[in-house]
Each structure stands twice: as structure tokens, then as C-alpha cells.
Amino acid sequence: MSQQDDLAGAMARENLAGELSVREQVLDVLIEKIREDHYPSSTMMDDVEQILTPWRRKDYADALMEKVRENRYPSRSMIQRLLRLSG
């Protein structure tokens, strides 16, 4: 393997790490907004589900569960999202 190949591989790994970092930051912000909003938008929840990683699944499920618990009549859509996460 040449030095150029090593450099290209290192750059690719750095780019991947940067993308994951941005992805995690976006996930953090969106999950926090879902926690804070009384009625989070379905679009925001769709975005979270699109970029959700397996190791962040519980964080998202916990945020949704808080919403279901705090509402006397929780959203059917939110309950369905939780059920999909459980399977």
C-alpha cells in the first residue's frame, strides 16, 4: 500500500468520524426538542427515526415514553412509534 493510499484512507476515516459527529449532534438536538415540545412534530420524529442509530434507540424511546406518560390522551401516532421501536 502506498503512502497516498494511507493518506486517502485516513482522510476517509476522518470524514466518516466527522459525519458521525454531526449525525450525533443533530440527533441530540432533535431528541431534546422532542422532550421539550409539548406536541413535537411528526416531521421531527420522522427525521430522528431516519438517522437513529441502534445505540441511541433507548434515548429516543425514553423521550417518547415521557410524552405518552404525561398526556392524559396520548397521541396514537406516538404510541405506534414506540411499538415500532420495541420490535
PDB file of N, CA and C in Angstrom:
ATOM      1  N   MET A   1       0.846  -1.166   0.000  1.00  0.00           N
ATOM      2  CA  MET A   1       0.000   0.000   0.000  1.00  0.00           C
ATOM      3  C   MET A   1       0.897   1.236   0.000  1.00  0.00           C
ATOM      4  N   SER A   2       0.553   2.177  -0.819  1.00  0.00           N
ATOM      5  CA  SER A   2       1.376   3.376  -0.944  1.00  0.00           C
ATOM      6  C   SER A   2       1.022   4.394   0.131  1.00  0.00           C
ATOM      7  N   GLN A   3       1.885   5.385   0.238  1.00  0.00           N
ATOM      8  CA  GLN A   3       1.652   6.462   1.193  1.00  0.00           C
ATOM      9  C   GLN A   3       0.386   7.245   0.822  1.00  0.00           C
ATOM     10  N   GLN A   4       0.149   7.357  -0.485  1.00  0.00           N
ATOM     11  CA  GLN A   4      -1.040   8.064  -0.967  1.00  0.00           C
ATOM     12  C   GLN A   4      -2.313   7.305  -0.557  1.00  0.00           C
ATOM     13  N   ASP A   5      -2.268   5.966  -0.660  1.00  0.00           N
ATOM     14  CA  ASP A   5      -3.411   5.158  -0.230  1.00  0.00           C
ATOM     15  C   ASP A   5      -3.656   5.303   1.268  1.00  0.00           C
ATOM     16  N   ASP A   6      -2.566   5.323   2.052  1.00  0.00           N
ATOM     17  CA  ASP A   6      -2.692   5.511   3.502  1.00  0.00           C
ATOM     18  C   ASP A   6      -3.335   6.852   3.818  1.00  0.00           C
ATOM     19  N   LEU A   7      -2.909   7.893   3.111  1.00  0.00           N
ATOM     20  CA  LEU A   7      -3.450   9.228   3.326  1.00  0.00           C
ATOM     21  C   LEU A   7      -4.937   9.275   2.951  1.00  0.00           C
ATOM     22  N   ALA A   8      -5.280   8.670   1.827  1.00  0.00           N
ATOM     23  CA  ALA A   8      -6.680   8.652   1.387  1.00  0.00           C
ATOM     24  C   ALA A   8      -7.543   7.907   2.409  1.00  0.00           C
ATOM     25  N   GLY A   9      -7.042   6.796   2.925  1.00  0.00           N
ATOM     26  CA  GLY A   9      -7.779   6.033   3.931  1.00  0.00           C
ATOM     27  C   GLY A   9      -7.971   6.825   5.211  1.00  0.00           C
ATOM     28  N   ALA A  10      -6.930   7.529   5.628  1.00  0.00           N
ATOM     29  CA  ALA A  10      -7.012   8.347   6.829  1.00  0.00           C
ATOM     30  C   ALA A  10      -8.025   9.473   6.645  1.00  0.00           C
ATOM     31  N   MET A  11      -8.028  10.081   5.469  1.00  0.00           N
ATOM     32  CA  MET A  11      -8.969  11.170   5.195  1.00  0.00           C
ATOM     33  C   MET A  11     -10.407  10.638   5.178  1.00  0.00           C
ATOM     34  N   ALA A  12     -10.595   9.463   4.608  1.00  0.00           N
ATOM     35  CA  ALA A  12     -11.932   8.870   4.561  1.00  0.00           C
ATOM     36  C   ALA A  12     -12.432   8.572   5.967  1.00  0.00           C
ATOM     37  N   ARG A  13     -11.555   8.048   6.827  1.00  0.00           N
ATOM     38  CA  ARG A  13     -11.951   7.763   8.212  1.00  0.00           C
ATOM     39  C   ARG A  13     -12.272   9.052   8.964  1.00  0.00           C
ATOM     40  N   GLU A  14     -11.484  10.085   8.723  1.00  0.00           N
ATOM     41  CA  GLU A  14     -11.726  11.379   9.370  1.00  0.00           C
ATOM     42  C   GLU A  14     -13.066  11.960   8.924  1.00  0.00           C
ATOM     43  N   ASN A  15     -13.367  11.858   7.623  1.00  0.00           N
ATOM     44  CA  ASN A  15     -14.646  12.351   7.118  1.00  0.00           C
ATOM     45  C   ASN A  15     -15.802  11.577   7.732  1.00  0.00           C
ATOM     46  N   LEU A  16     -15.663  10.253   7.844  1.00  0.00           N
ATOM     47  CA  LEU A  16     -16.698   9.424   8.434  1.00  0.00           C
ATOM     48  C   LEU A  16     -16.912   9.802   9.893  1.00  0.00           C
ATOM     49  N   ALA A  17     -15.816  10.016  10.620  1.00  0.00           N
ATOM     50  CA  ALA A  17     -15.928  10.413  12.026  1.00  0.00           C
ATOM     51  C   ALA A  17     -16.619  11.764  12.139  1.00  0.00           C
ATOM     52  N   GLY A  18     -16.298  12.685  11.239  1.00  0.00           N
ATOM     53  CA  GLY A  18     -16.945  13.993  11.244  1.00  0.00           C
ATOM     54  C   GLY A  18     -18.425  13.887  10.951  1.00  0.00           C
ATOM     55  N   GLU A  19     -18.803  13.041  10.008  1.00  0.00           N
ATOM     56  CA  GLU A  19     -20.207  12.843   9.677  1.00  0.00           C
ATOM     57  C   GLU A  19     -20.952  12.224  10.847  1.00  0.00           C
ATOM     58  N   LEU A  20     -20.337  11.259  11.495  1.00  0.00           N
ATOM     59  CA  LEU A  20     -20.985  10.639  12.642  1.00  0.00           C
ATOM     60  C   LEU A  20     -21.165  11.652  13.767  1.00  0.00           C
ATOM     61  N   SER A  21     -20.167  12.517  13.918  1.00  0.00           N
ATOM     62  CA  SER A  21     -20.248  13.534  14.946  1.00  0.00           C
ATOM     63  C   SER A  21     -21.413  14.481  14.663  1.00  0.00           C
ATOM     64  N   VAL A  22     -21.551  14.911  13.424  1.00  0.00           N
ATOM     65  CA  VAL A  22     -22.662  15.788  13.056  1.00  0.00           C
ATOM     66  C   VAL A  22     -23.980  15.044  13.233  1.00  0.00           C
ATOM     67  N   ARG A  23     -24.011  13.797  12.811  1.00  0.00           N
ATOM     68  CA  ARG A  23     -25.227  12.994  12.965  1.00  0.00           C
ATOM     69  C   ARG A  23     -25.633  12.901  14.429  1.00  0.00           C
ATOM     70  N   GLU A  24     -24.665  12.638  15.302  1.00  0.00           N
ATOM     71  CA  GLU A  24     -24.944  12.545  16.733  1.00  0.00           C
ATOM     72  C   GLU A  24     -25.414  13.884  17.290  1.00  0.00           C
ATOM     73  N   GLN A  25     -24.812  14.968  16.824  1.00  0.00           N
ATOM     74  CA  GLN A  25     -25.220  16.296  17.288  1.00  0.00           C
ATOM     75  C   GLN A  25     -26.660  16.597  16.867  1.00  0.00           C
ATOM     76  N   VAL A  26     -26.991  16.281  15.627  1.00  0.00           N
ATOM     77  CA  VAL A  26     -28.353  16.501  15.134  1.00  0.00           C
ATOM     78  C   VAL A  26     -29.323  15.655  15.949  1.00  0.00           C
ATOM     79  N   LEU A  27     -28.959  14.413  16.185  1.00  0.00           N
ATOM     80  CA  LEU A  27     -29.797  13.513  16.970  1.00  0.00           C
ATOM     81  C   LEU A  27     -30.013  14.067  18.375  1.00  0.00           C
ATOM     82  N   ASP A  28     -28.946  14.549  19.007  1.00  0.00           N
ATOM     83  CA  ASP A  28     -29.061  15.140  20.344  1.00  0.00           C
ATOM     84  C   ASP A  28     -30.045  16.302  20.360  1.00  0.00           C
ATOM     85  N   VAL A  29     -29.893  17.201  19.393  1.00  0.00           N
ATOM     86  CA  VAL A  29     -30.746  18.391  19.335  1.00  0.00           C
ATOM     87  C   VAL A  29     -32.206  17.995  19.113  1.00  0.00           C
ATOM     88  N   LEU A  30     -32.437  17.101  18.170  1.00  0.00           N
ATOM     89  CA  LEU A  30     -33.821  16.718  17.864  1.00  0.00           C
ATOM     90  C   LEU A  30     -34.488  15.969  19.017  1.00  0.00           C
ATOM     91  N   ILE A  31     -33.762  15.070  19.645  1.00  0.00           N
ATOM     92  CA  ILE A  31     -34.332  14.338  20.783  1.00  0.00           C
ATOM     93  C   ILE A  31     -34.633  15.309  21.920  1.00  0.00           C
ATOM     94  N   GLU A  32     -33.753  16.275  22.143  1.00  0.00           N
ATOM     95  CA  GLU A  32     -34.002  17.275  23.184  1.00  0.00           C
ATOM     96  C   GLU A  32     -35.235  18.121  22.854  1.00  0.00           C
ATOM     97  N   LYS A  33     -35.381  18.504  21.605  1.00  0.00           N
ATOM     98  CA  LYS A  33     -36.558  19.280  21.190  1.00  0.00           C
ATOM     99  C   LYS A  33     -37.841  18.464  21.367  1.00  0.00           C
ATOM    100  N   ILE A  34     -37.760  17.177  21.065  1.00  0.00           N
ATOM    101  CA  ILE A  34     -38.927  16.308  21.259  1.00  0.00           C
ATOM    102  C   ILE A  34     -39.286  16.258  22.741  1.00  0.00           C
ATOM    103  N   ARG A  35     -38.287  16.181  23.598  1.00  0.00           N
ATOM    104  CA  ARG A  35     -38.535  16.185  25.051  1.00  0.00           C
ATOM    105  C   ARG A  35     -39.198  17.491  25.498  1.00  0.00           C
ATOM    106  N   GLU A  36     -38.742  18.610  24.945  1.00  0.00           N
ATOM    107  CA  GLU A  36     -39.205  19.931  25.395  1.00  0.00           C
ATOM    108  C   GLU A  36     -40.556  20.330  24.810  1.00  0.00           C
ATOM    109  N   ASP A  37     -40.824  19.957  23.567  1.00  0.00           N
ATOM    110  CA  ASP A  37     -42.068  20.371  22.914  1.00  0.00           C
ATOM    111  C   ASP A  37     -43.253  19.581  23.478  1.00  0.00           C
ATOM    112  N   HIS A  38     -44.309  20.294  23.789  1.00  0.00           N
ATOM    113  CA  HIS A  38     -45.495  19.612  24.297  1.00  0.00           C
ATOM    114  C   HIS A  38     -46.058  18.661  23.242  1.00  0.00           C
ATOM    115  N   TYR A  39     -46.103  19.150  21.992  1.00  0.00           N
ATOM    116  CA  TYR A  39     -46.567  18.327  20.871  1.00  0.00           C
ATOM    117  C   TYR A  39     -45.506  18.358  19.774  1.00  0.00           C
ATOM    118  N   PRO A  40     -44.490  17.499  19.866  1.00  0.00           N
ATOM    119  CA  PRO A  40     -43.439  17.511  18.838  1.00  0.00           C
ATOM    120  C   PRO A  40     -44.009  17.143  17.470  1.00  0.00           C
ATOM    121  N   SER A  41     -43.421  17.725  16.447  1.00  0.00           N
ATOM    122  CA  SER A  41     -43.939  17.493  15.098  1.00  0.00           C
ATOM    123  C   SER A  41     -43.597  16.089  14.608  1.00  0.00           C
ATOM    124  N   SER A  42     -44.490  15.559  13.812  1.00  0.00           N
ATOM    125  CA  SER A  42     -44.249  14.230  13.244  1.00  0.00           C
ATOM    126  C   SER A  42     -43.057  14.282  12.284  1.00  0.00           C
ATOM    127  N   THR A  43     -42.853  15.424  11.640  1.00  0.00           N
ATOM    128  CA  THR A  43     -41.701  15.570  10.736  1.00  0.00           C
ATOM    129  C   THR A  43     -40.397  15.445  11.517  1.00  0.00           C
ATOM    130  N   MET A  44     -40.328  16.081  12.693  1.00  0.00           N
ATOM    131  CA  MET A  44     -39.127  15.999  13.512  1.00  0.00           C
ATOM    132  C   MET A  44     -38.883  14.558  13.964  1.00  0.00           C
ATOM    133  N   MET A  45     -39.953  13.881  14.363  1.00  0.00           N
ATOM    134  CA  MET A  45     -39.806  12.490  14.794  1.00  0.00           C
ATOM    135  C   MET A  45     -39.408  11.590  13.617  1.00  0.00           C
ATOM    136  N   ASP A  46     -39.946  11.878  12.437  1.00  0.00           N
ATOM    137  CA  ASP A  46     -39.540  11.128  11.234  1.00  0.00           C
ATOM    138  C   ASP A  46     -38.049  11.318  10.969  1.00  0.00           C
ATOM    139  N   ASP A  47     -37.571  12.560  11.123  1.00  0.00           N
ATOM    140  CA  ASP A  47     -36.145  12.840  10.918  1.00  0.00           C
ATOM    141  C   ASP A  47     -35.281  12.059  11.894  1.00  0.00           C
ATOM    142  N   VAL A  48     -35.696  12.019  13.161  1.00  0.00           N
ATOM    143  CA  VAL A  48     -34.955  11.254  14.164  1.00  0.00           C
ATOM    144  C   VAL A  48     -34.914   9.782  13.765  1.00  0.00           C
ATOM    145  N   GLU A  49     -36.045   9.250  13.378  1.00  0.00           N
ATOM    146  CA  GLU A  49     -36.112   7.829  13.033  1.00  0.00           C
ATOM    147  C   GLU A  49     -35.279   7.512  11.797  1.00  0.00           C
ATOM    148  N   GLN A  50     -35.114   8.476  10.930  1.00  0.00           N
ATOM    149  CA  GLN A  50     -34.306   8.272   9.726  1.00  0.00           C
ATOM    150  C   GLN A  50     -32.818   8.160  10.054  1.00  0.00           C
ATOM    151  N   ILE A  51     -32.352   8.920  11.049  1.00  0.00           N
ATOM    152  CA  ILE A  51     -30.911   8.921  11.373  1.00  0.00           C
ATOM    153  C   ILE A  51     -30.597   8.198  12.677  1.00  0.00           C
ATOM    154  N   LEU A  52     -31.596   7.615  13.307  1.00  0.00           N
ATOM    155  CA  LEU A  52     -31.417   6.959  14.598  1.00  0.00           C
ATOM    156  C   LEU A  52     -30.434   5.800  14.493  1.00  0.00           C
ATOM    157  N   THR A  53     -29.509   5.761  15.428  1.00  0.00           N
ATOM    158  CA  THR A  53     -28.541   4.671  15.495  1.00  0.00           C
ATOM    159  C   THR A  53     -28.993   3.681  16.575  1.00  0.00           C
ATOM    160  N   PRO A  54     -28.599   2.434  16.459  1.00  0.00           N
ATOM    161  CA  PRO A  54     -29.042   1.436  17.449  1.00  0.00           C
ATOM    162  C   PRO A  54     -28.700   1.819  18.892  1.00  0.00           C
ATOM    163  N   TRP A  55     -27.550   2.442  19.101  1.00  0.00           N
ATOM    164  CA  TRP A  55     -27.140   2.779  20.456  1.00  0.00           C
ATOM    165  C   TRP A  55     -27.861   4.010  21.006  1.00  0.00           C
ATOM    166  N   ARG A  56     -28.643   4.713  20.179  1.00  0.00           N
ATOM    167  CA  ARG A  56     -29.430   5.873  20.646  1.00  0.00           C
ATOM    168  C   ARG A  56     -30.921   5.579  20.687  1.00  0.00           C
ATOM    169  N   ARG A  57     -31.287   4.370  20.347  1.00  0.00           N
ATOM    170  CA  ARG A  57     -32.690   3.969  20.290  1.00  0.00           C
ATOM    171  C   ARG A  57     -33.405   4.171  21.632  1.00  0.00           C
ATOM    172  N   LYS A  58     -32.736   3.808  22.724  1.00  0.00           N
ATOM    173  CA  LYS A  58     -33.333   3.941  24.052  1.00  0.00           C
ATOM    174  C   LYS A  58     -33.556   5.407  24.403  1.00  0.00           C
ATOM    175  N   ASP A  59     -32.627   6.290  24.047  1.00  0.00           N
ATOM    176  CA  ASP A  59     -32.796   7.721  24.331  1.00  0.00           C
ATOM    177  C   ASP A  59     -34.067   8.249  23.679  1.00  0.00           C
ATOM    178  N   TYR A  60     -34.266   7.869  22.437  1.00  0.00           N
ATOM    179  CA  TYR A  60     -35.443   8.317  21.698  1.00  0.00           C
ATOM    180  C   TYR A  60     -36.719   7.702  22.287  1.00  0.00           C
ATOM    181  N   ALA A  61     -36.668   6.417  22.589  1.00  0.00           N
ATOM    182  CA  ALA A  61     -37.827   5.739  23.179  1.00  0.00           C
ATOM    183  C   ALA A  61     -38.187   6.364  24.523  1.00  0.00           C
ATOM    184  N   ASP A  62     -37.191   6.710  25.319  1.00  0.00           N
ATOM    185  CA  ASP A  62     -37.444   7.349  26.612  1.00  0.00           C
ATOM    186  C   ASP A  62     -38.135   8.701  26.430  1.00  0.00           C
ATOM    187  N   ALA A  63     -37.701   9.471  25.431  1.00  0.00           N
ATOM    188  CA  ALA A  63     -38.317  10.775  25.161  1.00  0.00           C
ATOM    189  C   ALA A  63     -39.784  10.597  24.766  1.00  0.00           C
ATOM    190  N   LEU A  64     -40.059   9.617  23.919  1.00  0.00           N
ATOM    191  CA  LEU A  64     -41.446   9.369  23.517  1.00  0.00           C
ATOM    192  C   LEU A  64     -42.283   8.855  24.685  1.00  0.00           C
ATOM    193  N   MET A  65     -41.692   7.990  25.491  1.00  0.00           N
ATOM    194  CA  MET A  65     -42.418   7.433  26.634  1.00  0.00           C
ATOM    195  C   MET A  65     -42.803   8.534  27.619  1.00  0.00           C
ATOM    196  N   GLU A  66     -41.925   9.518  27.809  1.00  0.00           N
ATOM    197  CA  GLU A  66     -42.261  10.657  28.670  1.00  0.00           C
ATOM    198  C   GLU A  66     -43.512  11.360  28.148  1.00  0.00           C
ATOM    199  N   LYS A  67     -43.582  11.541  26.835  1.00  0.00           N
ATOM    200  CA  LYS A  67     -44.735  12.207  26.228  1.00  0.00           C
ATOM    201  C   LYS A  67     -46.012  11.400  26.441  1.00  0.00           C
ATOM    202  N   VAL A  68     -45.922  10.102  26.281  1.00  0.00           N
ATOM    203  CA  VAL A  68     -47.098   9.243  26.450  1.00  0.00           C
ATOM    204  C   VAL A  68     -47.559   9.285  27.905  1.00  0.00           C
ATOM    205  N   ARG A  69     -46.611   9.244  28.830  1.00  0.00           N
ATOM    206  CA  ARG A  69     -46.963   9.256  30.253  1.00  0.00           C
ATOM    207  C   ARG A  69     -47.570  10.577  30.705  1.00  0.00           C
ATOM    208  N   GLU A  70     -47.084  11.685  30.169  1.00  0.00           N
ATOM    209  CA  GLU A  70     -47.528  12.992  30.669  1.00  0.00           C
ATOM    210  C   GLU A  70     -48.868  13.444  30.075  1.00  0.00           C
ATOM    211  N   ASN A  71     -49.301  12.814  29.004  1.00  0.00           N
ATOM    212  CA  ASN A  71     -50.567  13.202  28.379  1.00  0.00           C
ATOM    213  C   ASN A  71     -51.693  12.262  28.792  1.00  0.00           C
ATOM    214  N   ARG A  72     -52.797  12.861  29.169  1.00  0.00           N
ATOM    215  CA  ARG A  72     -53.955  12.039  29.545  1.00  0.00           C
ATOM    216  C   ARG A  72     -54.441  11.216  28.359  1.00  0.00           C
ATOM    217  N   TYR A  73     -54.431  11.831  27.184  1.00  0.00           N
ATOM    218  CA  TYR A  73     -54.825  11.144  25.952  1.00  0.00           C
ATOM    219  C   TYR A  73     -53.660  11.202  24.972  1.00  0.00           C
ATOM    220  N   PRO A  74     -52.703  10.293  25.115  1.00  0.00           N
ATOM    221  CA  PRO A  74     -51.512  10.348  24.260  1.00  0.00           C
ATOM    222  C   PRO A  74     -51.842  10.100  22.788  1.00  0.00           C
ATOM    223  N   SER A  75     -50.999  10.643  21.971  1.00  0.00           N
ATOM    224  CA  SER A  75     -51.139  10.510  20.524  1.00  0.00           C
ATOM    225  C   SER A  75     -51.006   9.048  20.099  1.00  0.00           C
ATOM    226  N   ARG A  76     -51.944   8.607  19.298  1.00  0.00           N
ATOM    227  CA  ARG A  76     -51.877   7.239  18.760  1.00  0.00           C
ATOM    228  C   ARG A  76     -50.609   7.058  17.931  1.00  0.00           C
ATOM    229  N   SER A  77     -50.252   8.083  17.185  1.00  0.00           N
ATOM    230  CA  SER A  77     -49.037   8.047  16.364  1.00  0.00           C
ATOM    231  C   SER A  77     -47.794   7.830  17.228  1.00  0.00           C
ATOM    232  N   MET A  78     -47.739   8.502  18.377  1.00  0.00           N
ATOM    233  CA  MET A  78     -46.580   8.358  19.257  1.00  0.00           C
ATOM    234  C   MET A  78     -46.526   6.948  19.842  1.00  0.00           C
ATOM    235  N   ILE A  79     -47.671   6.421  20.212  1.00  0.00           N
ATOM    236  CA  ILE A  79     -47.716   5.052  20.732  1.00  0.00           C
ATOM    237  C   ILE A  79     -47.256   4.071  19.657  1.00  0.00           C
ATOM    238  N   GLN A  80     -47.687   4.274  18.429  1.00  0.00           N
ATOM    239  CA  GLN A  80     -47.266   3.398  17.318  1.00  0.00           C
ATOM    240  C   GLN A  80     -45.761   3.500  17.097  1.00  0.00           C
ATOM    241  N   ARG A  81     -45.205   4.691  17.221  1.00  0.00           N
ATOM    242  CA  ARG A  81     -43.759   4.853  17.079  1.00  0.00           C
ATOM    243  C   ARG A  81     -43.031   4.056  18.157  1.00  0.00           C
ATOM    244  N   LEU A  82     -43.529   4.142  19.388  1.00  0.00           N
ATOM    245  CA  LEU A  82     -42.926   3.372  20.477  1.00  0.00           C
ATOM    246  C   LEU A  82     -42.996   1.881  20.231  1.00  0.00           C
ATOM    247  N   LEU A  83     -44.136   1.421  19.753  1.00  0.00           N
ATOM    248  CA  LEU A  83     -44.280  -0.001  19.459  1.00  0.00           C
ATOM    249  C   LEU A  83     -43.322  -0.457  18.368  1.00  0.00           C
ATOM    250  N   ARG A  84     -43.122   0.394  17.355  1.00  0.00           N
ATOM    251  CA  ARG A  84     -42.162   0.039  16.286  1.00  0.00           C
ATOM    252  C   ARG A  84     -40.747  -0.038  16.842  1.00  0.00           C
ATOM    253  N   LEU A  85     -40.425   0.841  17.786  1.00  0.00           N
ATOM    254  CA  LEU A  85     -39.090   0.822  18.385  1.00  0.00           C
ATOM    255  C   LEU A  85     -38.880  -0.437  19.235  1.00  0.00           C
ATOM    256  N   SER A  86     -39.952  -0.978  19.776  1.00  0.00           N
ATOM    257  CA  SER A  86     -39.818  -2.140  20.660  1.00  0.00           C
ATOM    258  C   SER A  86     -39.581  -3.437  19.903  1.00  0.00           C
ATOM    259  N   GLY A  87     -39.860  -3.426  18.615  1.00  0.00           N
ATOM    260  CA  GLY A  87     -39.765  -4.667  17.839  1.00  0.00           C
ATOM    261  C   GLY A  87     -38.551  -4.877  17.074  1.00  0.00           C
TER     262      GLY A  87
END
